[in-house]
Amino acid sequence: MESQDFNFEQNDVFDQRFIERENVKRHKLKPSIEKLYRCDVCEKTFVHSGNLKRHMLTHTGEIPHRCNVCEKTFFQSRNLKRHMLTHTEEKPHRCDVCKKRFACGGDLKTHMLTHTKEKTPRCDVSEIGFTASSVLKTHMLIHTEEKPHRCDVCEKRFSHSSNLKRHMLTHTKRKPHRCVICDKRFNDISNLKTHMLIHTKEKPHRCDVCEKRFNHSSNLKRHMLTHTKRKPHRCVICDKRFNDISNLKTHMLIHTKEKPHRCDVCEKRFNHSSNLKRHMLTHTKEKPHRCDVCDKTFTRYGNLKRHMLIHIKNKPHRCDVCDKTFTRHGNLKRHMLIHTVKQ
């Protein structure tokens, strides 16, 4: 097949532009060429062999790209390059409006939305801005509660096709993605990536307002609502309002008394998946949260945080009567009984 130079303006397959000529060639293959490369593990198919090779790493658990400074490992070389900027403190991406600099191009794109609010697709209900109208359309399904994608096995419905795909793995019981550190397995690669942040303690998502960092973008989005003080989601029974739809859904279980999450070991039921996860630790005896100072382990992250106060000698809870300080709020409450008895 003869090589051919592509002119961006003559690319009539899609009205889409690319920076590199190779990307244009690969993009033009997509409408017409079958996905020839198939994963032997999960049968997912790919157009290019390179994509298949990268995908296979999710099954083998191999993380080939290692940082020479801190020995942190990455699945893809581009993630390693971004990480290296944290050591050099280099910020090559600059905002043309306010001159603020960023280490990652993605952070700059997100920042630019603060300057172009009037052009950002925005939800009329929650007033959250989005990078593209297609993302806004998906978001609107939260408010309309429309769920067009249905599981053929159990008829459960989903607002997005990707959620349906992940759900289908629950019927096959297959968990092809394995954590190389603790051997825990996942049916979805995104869940594995989120899990890996527990081991790496990486928090790549940063709030531009208070600079608090999060290990997942969804946590950052929920956090941002604390700055707007808006609570667009209302309970129709008791009128209590929430800044996040998931919190409203959890709250509704109080009224319905529904407990959809069941323990496979003892069949105890819970109203929230997080409560079930914590409960499961009682069966596995696993204590995933470790103190970096004394190596003591805990089943809950909240218990670890309270324990850390012992090492840092921080006593944030102060008695308003005698100024005595305590590491835990519960200890302060018990102490306050001394003053109430005296009165």
Protein backbone atom coordinates (compact mmCIF):
# COMPACT_ATOMS: atom_id res chain seq x y z
CA MET A 1 0.00 0.00 0.00
CA GLU A 2 1.49 3.31 -1.09
CA SER A 3 2.02 5.99 1.50
CA GLN A 4 -0.12 9.05 1.10
CA ASP A 5 0.19 12.55 2.51
CA PHE A 6 -2.98 13.78 4.14
CA ASN A 7 -4.14 17.34 4.07
CA PHE A 8 -6.13 18.23 7.18
CA GLU A 9 -8.66 20.20 5.19
CA GLN A 10 -9.17 17.31 2.71
CA ASN A 11 -9.86 14.67 5.35
CA ASP A 12 -13.49 13.98 4.41
CA VAL A 13 -14.15 10.97 6.64
CA PHE A 14 -14.75 13.00 9.78
CA ASP A 15 -14.46 16.69 10.49
CA GLN A 16 -11.70 16.02 13.02
CA ARG A 17 -8.14 17.32 13.11
CA PHE A 18 -4.97 15.77 14.40
CA ILE A 19 -1.53 17.14 15.11
CA GLU A 20 0.51 14.27 13.68
CA ARG A 21 0.15 12.72 10.23
CA GLU A 22 0.35 9.18 11.70
CA ASN A 23 -2.68 9.90 13.86
CA VAL A 24 -4.61 10.95 10.78
CA LYS A 25 -3.74 7.68 9.03
CA ARG A 26 -4.80 5.63 12.02
CA HIS A 27 -7.97 7.67 12.43
CA LYS A 28 -9.03 7.09 8.80
CA LEU A 29 -8.74 3.34 9.33
CA LYS A 30 -11.44 3.34 12.02
CA PRO A 31 -14.58 3.63 9.85
CA SER A 32 -13.58 0.90 7.41
CA ILE A 33 -11.18 -1.62 8.99
CA GLU A 34 -12.24 -4.45 11.25
CA LYS A 35 -10.65 -4.75 14.70
CA LEU A 36 -8.12 -7.48 13.93
CA TYR A 37 -6.33 -7.87 17.25
CA ARG A 38 -8.20 -9.84 19.95
CA CYS A 39 -7.34 -10.30 23.62
CA ASP A 40 -7.23 -14.02 24.48
CA VAL A 41 -8.28 -13.32 28.07
CA CYS A 42 -11.39 -11.12 27.76
CA GLU A 43 -11.92 -11.20 23.96
CA LYS A 44 -11.84 -7.41 23.64
CA THR A 45 -10.73 -6.39 20.13
CA PHE A 46 -8.40 -3.63 18.92
CA VAL A 47 -7.54 -2.00 15.60
CA HIS A 48 -3.82 -1.71 16.38
CA SER A 49 -1.43 -4.23 17.89
CA GLY A 50 0.09 -1.55 20.13
CA ASN A 51 -3.27 -1.00 21.81
CA LEU A 52 -3.58 -4.74 22.41
CA LYS A 53 -0.10 -4.86 23.97
CA ARG A 54 -0.98 -2.03 26.36
CA HIS A 55 -4.28 -3.71 27.18
CA MET A 56 -2.58 -7.01 28.03
CA LEU A 57 -0.73 -5.29 30.87
CA THR A 58 -4.06 -5.00 32.70
CA HIS A 59 -4.27 -8.81 32.80
CA THR A 60 -0.63 -9.64 33.48
CA GLY A 61 -0.29 -6.97 36.14
CA GLU A 62 3.03 -5.89 34.64
CA ILE A 63 3.89 -2.21 35.19
CA PRO A 64 6.89 -1.68 32.88
CA HIS A 65 7.65 2.03 33.32
CA ARG A 66 9.56 2.90 36.50
CA CYS A 67 10.57 6.28 37.93
CA ASN A 68 14.33 6.42 38.58
CA VAL A 69 13.86 8.84 41.48
CA CYS A 70 11.16 7.26 43.67
CA GLU A 71 10.75 3.89 41.88
CA LYS A 72 7.03 4.43 41.36
CA THR A 73 5.76 2.39 38.40
CA PHE A 74 3.32 3.19 35.60
CA PHE A 75 1.46 1.25 32.92
CA GLN A 76 2.15 3.83 30.18
CA SER A 77 5.23 5.90 29.38
CA ARG A 78 3.23 9.12 29.07
CA ASN A 79 2.06 8.74 32.68
CA LEU A 80 5.68 8.34 33.75
CA LYS A 81 6.61 11.53 31.85
CA ARG A 82 3.86 13.46 33.65
CA HIS A 83 4.98 12.03 36.97
CA MET A 84 8.62 13.07 36.39
CA LEU A 85 7.47 16.69 36.38
CA THR A 86 6.62 16.32 40.08
CA HIS A 87 10.34 15.79 40.77
CA THR A 88 11.63 18.52 38.49
CA GLU A 89 8.83 20.94 39.49
CA GLU A 90 8.75 21.92 35.83
CA LYS A 91 5.43 23.41 34.66
CA PRO A 92 5.61 23.70 30.88
CA HIS A 93 1.92 24.47 30.30
CA ARG A 94 1.04 28.15 30.78
CA CYS A 95 -2.36 29.84 30.78
CA ASP A 96 -2.36 32.69 28.24
CA VAL A 97 -4.94 34.62 30.27
CA CYS A 98 -3.55 34.71 33.83
CA LYS A 99 -0.05 33.25 33.21
CA LYS A 100 -0.59 30.48 35.79
CA ARG A 101 1.54 27.43 34.98
CA PHE A 102 0.72 23.71 35.13
CA ALA A 103 2.73 20.50 34.97
CA CYS A 104 0.06 18.68 32.98
CA GLY A 105 -1.82 19.78 29.87
CA GLY A 106 -5.03 18.28 31.24
CA ASP A 107 -4.82 20.52 34.31
CA LEU A 108 -4.42 23.55 32.05
CA LYS A 109 -7.52 22.58 30.03
CA THR A 110 -9.55 22.27 33.21
CA HIS A 111 -8.21 25.61 34.44
CA MET A 112 -9.10 27.35 31.18
CA LEU A 113 -12.77 26.66 31.86
CA THR A 114 -12.57 29.21 34.68
CA HIS A 115 -11.87 31.89 32.07
CA THR A 116 -14.47 30.72 29.52
CA LYS A 117 -17.48 30.06 31.75
CA GLU A 118 -19.85 31.70 29.32
CA LYS A 119 -18.83 29.21 26.59
CA THR A 120 -18.89 26.11 28.79
CA PRO A 121 -21.85 23.72 28.40
CA ARG A 122 -23.62 24.09 31.73
CA CYS A 123 -26.32 22.09 33.50
CA ASP A 124 -29.41 24.25 34.17
CA VAL A 125 -30.25 22.23 37.30
CA SER A 126 -26.95 21.98 39.17
CA GLU A 127 -25.07 24.75 37.27
CA ILE A 128 -22.04 22.45 36.87
CA GLY A 129 -19.92 23.22 33.79
CA PHE A 130 -18.65 20.56 31.38
CA THR A 131 -15.91 20.38 28.77
CA ALA A 132 -18.23 19.15 26.01
CA SER A 133 -21.96 19.05 25.24
CA SER A 134 -21.84 15.24 24.96
CA VAL A 135 -20.66 15.03 28.58
CA LEU A 136 -23.47 17.39 29.60
CA LYS A 137 -26.03 15.11 27.90
CA THR A 138 -24.79 12.13 29.90
CA HIS A 139 -24.90 14.21 33.09
CA MET A 140 -28.51 15.29 32.45
CA LEU A 141 -29.60 11.66 32.76
CA ILE A 142 -28.92 12.03 36.49
CA HIS A 143 -31.66 14.65 36.78
CA THR A 144 -34.12 13.06 34.35
CA GLU A 145 -33.46 9.63 35.90
CA GLU A 146 -33.65 8.20 32.40
CA LYS A 147 -31.91 4.83 32.06
CA PRO A 148 -31.97 3.76 28.40
CA HIS A 149 -29.50 0.86 28.71
CA ARG A 150 -31.00 -2.42 30.00
CA CYS A 151 -29.33 -5.64 31.11
CA ASP A 152 -30.78 -8.63 29.19
CA VAL A 153 -30.11 -10.97 32.12
CA CYS A 154 -31.68 -9.22 35.13
CA GLU A 155 -33.35 -6.25 33.37
CA LYS A 156 -31.55 -3.72 35.57
CA ARG A 157 -31.27 -0.40 33.77
CA PHE A 158 -28.38 2.07 33.49
CA SER A 159 -28.01 5.67 32.37
CA HIS A 160 -24.79 4.99 30.46
CA SER A 161 -23.64 2.12 28.24
CA SER A 162 -20.28 1.85 30.03
CA ASN A 163 -22.07 1.19 33.32
CA LEU A 164 -24.05 -1.58 31.64
CA LYS A 165 -20.83 -3.17 30.33
CA ARG A 166 -19.32 -3.17 33.81
CA HIS A 167 -22.52 -4.59 35.24
CA MET A 168 -22.55 -7.50 32.78
CA LEU A 169 -19.31 -8.76 34.33
CA THR A 170 -21.20 -9.38 37.58
CA HIS A 171 -23.15 -12.11 35.80
CA THR A 172 -20.04 -13.80 34.42
CA LYS A 173 -18.28 -13.58 37.83
CA ARG A 174 -15.07 -12.95 35.88
CA LYS A 175 -12.50 -10.62 37.41
CA PRO A 176 -9.68 -10.45 34.88
CA HIS A 177 -7.87 -7.44 36.39
CA ARG A 178 -5.47 -8.27 39.25
CA CYS A 179 -3.60 -6.02 41.66
CA VAL A 180 0.08 -7.01 41.56
CA ILE A 181 0.61 -5.89 45.16
CA CYS A 182 -2.19 -7.58 47.12
CA ASP A 183 -3.63 -9.95 44.46
CA LYS A 184 -7.14 -8.51 44.80
CA ARG A 185 -9.08 -8.94 41.55
CA PHE A 186 -11.52 -6.63 39.78
CA ASN A 187 -13.98 -7.01 36.93
CA ASP A 188 -13.24 -3.53 35.63
CA ILE A 189 -9.89 -1.86 34.87
CA SER A 190 -11.07 1.48 36.25
CA ASN A 191 -11.75 -0.16 39.63
CA LEU A 192 -8.24 -1.61 39.60
CA LYS A 193 -6.73 1.80 38.83
CA THR A 194 -8.68 3.38 41.68
CA HIS A 195 -7.61 0.55 43.98
CA MET A 196 -3.92 1.04 43.08
CA LEU A 197 -4.08 4.56 44.51
CA ILE A 198 -4.49 2.93 47.96
CA HIS A 199 -1.01 1.44 47.59
CA THR A 200 0.64 4.41 45.87
CA LYS A 201 -1.17 6.98 48.06
CA GLU A 202 -1.28 9.15 44.94
CA LYS A 203 -3.90 11.91 44.80
CA PRO A 204 -3.69 13.34 41.28
CA HIS A 205 -6.88 15.44 41.38
CA ARG A 206 -6.50 18.88 43.02
CA CYS A 207 -9.10 21.48 43.98
CA ASP A 208 -8.21 24.87 42.46
CA VAL A 209 -9.97 26.68 45.34
CA CYS A 210 -8.44 25.13 48.48
CA GLU A 211 -5.77 22.88 46.88
CA LYS A 212 -7.11 19.78 48.66
CA ARG A 213 -6.20 16.66 46.69
CA PHE A 214 -8.24 13.56 45.85
CA ASN A 215 -7.47 10.12 44.48
CA HIS A 216 -10.47 10.11 42.15
CA SER A 217 -12.04 12.75 39.90
CA SER A 218 -15.56 11.96 41.15
CA ASN A 219 -14.47 12.79 44.71
CA LEU A 220 -13.11 16.11 43.49
CA LYS A 221 -16.40 16.91 41.73
CA ARG A 222 -18.37 16.22 44.90
CA HIS A 223 -15.91 18.30 46.90
CA MET A 224 -16.29 21.29 44.55
CA LEU A 225 -19.96 21.52 45.51
CA THR A 226 -18.87 22.34 49.08
CA HIS A 227 -17.46 25.62 47.75
CA THR A 228 -20.64 26.56 45.90
CA LYS A 229 -22.82 25.65 48.92
CA ARG A 230 -25.49 24.55 46.43
CA LYS A 231 -27.61 21.48 47.17
CA PRO A 232 -29.67 20.87 44.03
CA HIS A 233 -30.91 17.37 44.93
CA ARG A 234 -33.99 17.30 47.19
CA CYS A 235 -35.68 14.44 49.01
CA VAL A 236 -39.38 14.45 48.01
CA ILE A 237 -40.38 12.94 51.38
CA CYS A 238 -38.65 15.11 54.00
CA ASP A 239 -37.32 18.01 51.83
CA LYS A 240 -33.74 17.46 52.97
CA ARG A 241 -31.29 18.64 50.31
CA PHE A 242 -28.00 17.18 49.08
CA ASN A 243 -25.16 18.43 46.89
CA ASP A 244 -24.65 14.99 45.34
CA ILE A 245 -27.20 12.63 43.76
CA SER A 246 -25.53 9.57 45.30
CA ASN A 247 -26.03 11.03 48.80
CA LEU A 248 -29.71 11.55 48.02
CA LYS A 249 -30.06 7.95 46.82
CA THR A 250 -28.42 6.68 50.02
CA HIS A 251 -30.70 8.94 52.08
CA MET A 252 -33.83 7.59 50.34
CA LEU A 253 -33.03 4.12 51.70
CA ILE A 254 -33.84 5.49 55.17
CA HIS A 255 -37.42 6.06 54.04
CA THR A 256 -37.79 2.87 51.98
CA LYS A 257 -35.97 0.69 54.58
CA GLU A 258 -34.39 -1.04 51.59
CA LYS A 259 -31.08 -2.87 52.08
CA PRO A 260 -29.98 -3.96 48.60
CA HIS A 261 -26.41 -4.99 49.48
CA ARG A 262 -26.08 -8.53 50.91
CA CYS A 263 -23.08 -10.30 52.44
CA ASP A 264 -22.42 -13.59 50.63
CA VAL A 265 -20.94 -15.11 53.79
CA CYS A 266 -23.55 -14.45 56.50
CA GLU A 267 -26.35 -12.94 54.37
CA LYS A 268 -26.52 -9.79 56.48
CA ARG A 269 -27.91 -6.90 54.44
CA PHE A 270 -26.83 -3.25 54.21
CA ASN A 271 -28.29 -0.09 52.73
CA HIS A 272 -24.99 1.04 51.22
CA SER A 273 -22.17 -0.76 49.42
CA SER A 274 -19.51 0.97 51.57
CA ASN A 275 -21.10 -0.50 54.71
CA LEU A 276 -21.00 -3.94 53.11
CA LYS A 277 -17.31 -3.50 52.22
CA ARG A 278 -16.47 -2.58 55.81
CA HIS A 279 -18.51 -5.54 57.05
CA MET A 280 -16.65 -7.95 54.76
CA LEU A 281 -13.43 -7.09 56.60
CA THR A 282 -14.87 -8.84 59.65
CA HIS A 283 -14.86 -12.08 57.67
CA THR A 284 -11.51 -11.64 55.93
CA LYS A 285 -9.81 -10.13 59.02
CA GLU A 286 -8.10 -7.80 56.55
CA LYS A 287 -6.78 -4.49 57.85
CA PRO A 288 -5.80 -2.53 54.73
CA HIS A 289 -4.98 0.80 56.41
CA ARG A 290 -1.45 0.91 57.84
CA CYS A 291 0.22 3.53 60.03
CA ASP A 292 3.47 4.70 58.40
CA VAL A 293 5.02 5.39 61.81
CA CYS A 294 4.43 2.22 63.88
CA ASP A 295 3.01 -0.18 61.23
CA LYS A 296 -0.20 -0.74 63.19
CA THR A 297 -3.06 -1.71 60.85
CA PHE A 298 -6.74 -0.80 60.89
CA THR A 299 -9.90 -1.98 59.14
CA ARG A 300 -11.17 1.59 58.65
CA TYR A 301 -9.39 4.66 57.37
CA GLY A 302 -11.16 6.82 59.98
CA ASN A 303 -9.61 4.73 62.75
CA LEU A 304 -6.17 5.21 61.20
CA LYS A 305 -6.68 9.00 61.09
CA ARG A 306 -7.59 9.06 64.78
CA HIS A 307 -4.59 6.86 65.58
CA MET A 308 -2.22 9.23 63.75
CA LEU A 309 -3.08 11.96 66.27
CA ILE A 310 -1.11 9.96 68.84
CA HIS A 311 2.07 10.38 66.82
CA ILE A 312 1.66 14.03 65.83
CA LYS A 313 0.50 14.98 69.34
CA ASN A 314 -2.28 17.05 67.81
CA LYS A 315 -5.33 17.60 70.04
CA PRO A 316 -7.79 19.55 67.91
CA HIS A 317 -10.80 19.26 70.28
CA ARG A 318 -10.76 21.95 73.01
CA CYS A 319 -12.99 22.31 76.05
CA ASP A 320 -14.59 25.79 76.10
CA VAL A 321 -14.73 25.75 79.91
CA CYS A 322 -11.21 24.77 81.03
CA ASP A 323 -9.27 24.81 77.71
CA LYS A 324 -8.19 21.17 78.08
CA THR A 325 -7.57 19.57 74.67
CA PHE A 326 -8.30 16.08 73.38
CA THR A 327 -7.35 13.98 70.36
CA ARG A 328 -10.91 12.72 69.86
CA HIS A 329 -14.27 14.46 69.89
CA GLY A 330 -15.75 11.54 71.88
CA ASN A 331 -13.22 12.10 74.65
CA LEU A 332 -14.16 15.80 74.78
CA LYS A 333 -17.86 14.92 75.09
CA ARG A 334 -17.14 12.59 78.02
CA HIS A 335 -14.98 15.29 79.62
CA MET A 336 -17.79 17.85 79.33
CA LEU A 337 -19.89 15.71 81.68
CA ILE A 338 -17.49 16.73 84.47
CA HIS A 339 -18.53 20.37 84.05
CA THR A 340 -22.24 19.61 83.72
CA VAL A 341 -22.18 17.58 86.98
CA LYS A 342 -20.43 20.43 88.81
CA GLN A 343 -23.12 22.84 87.64
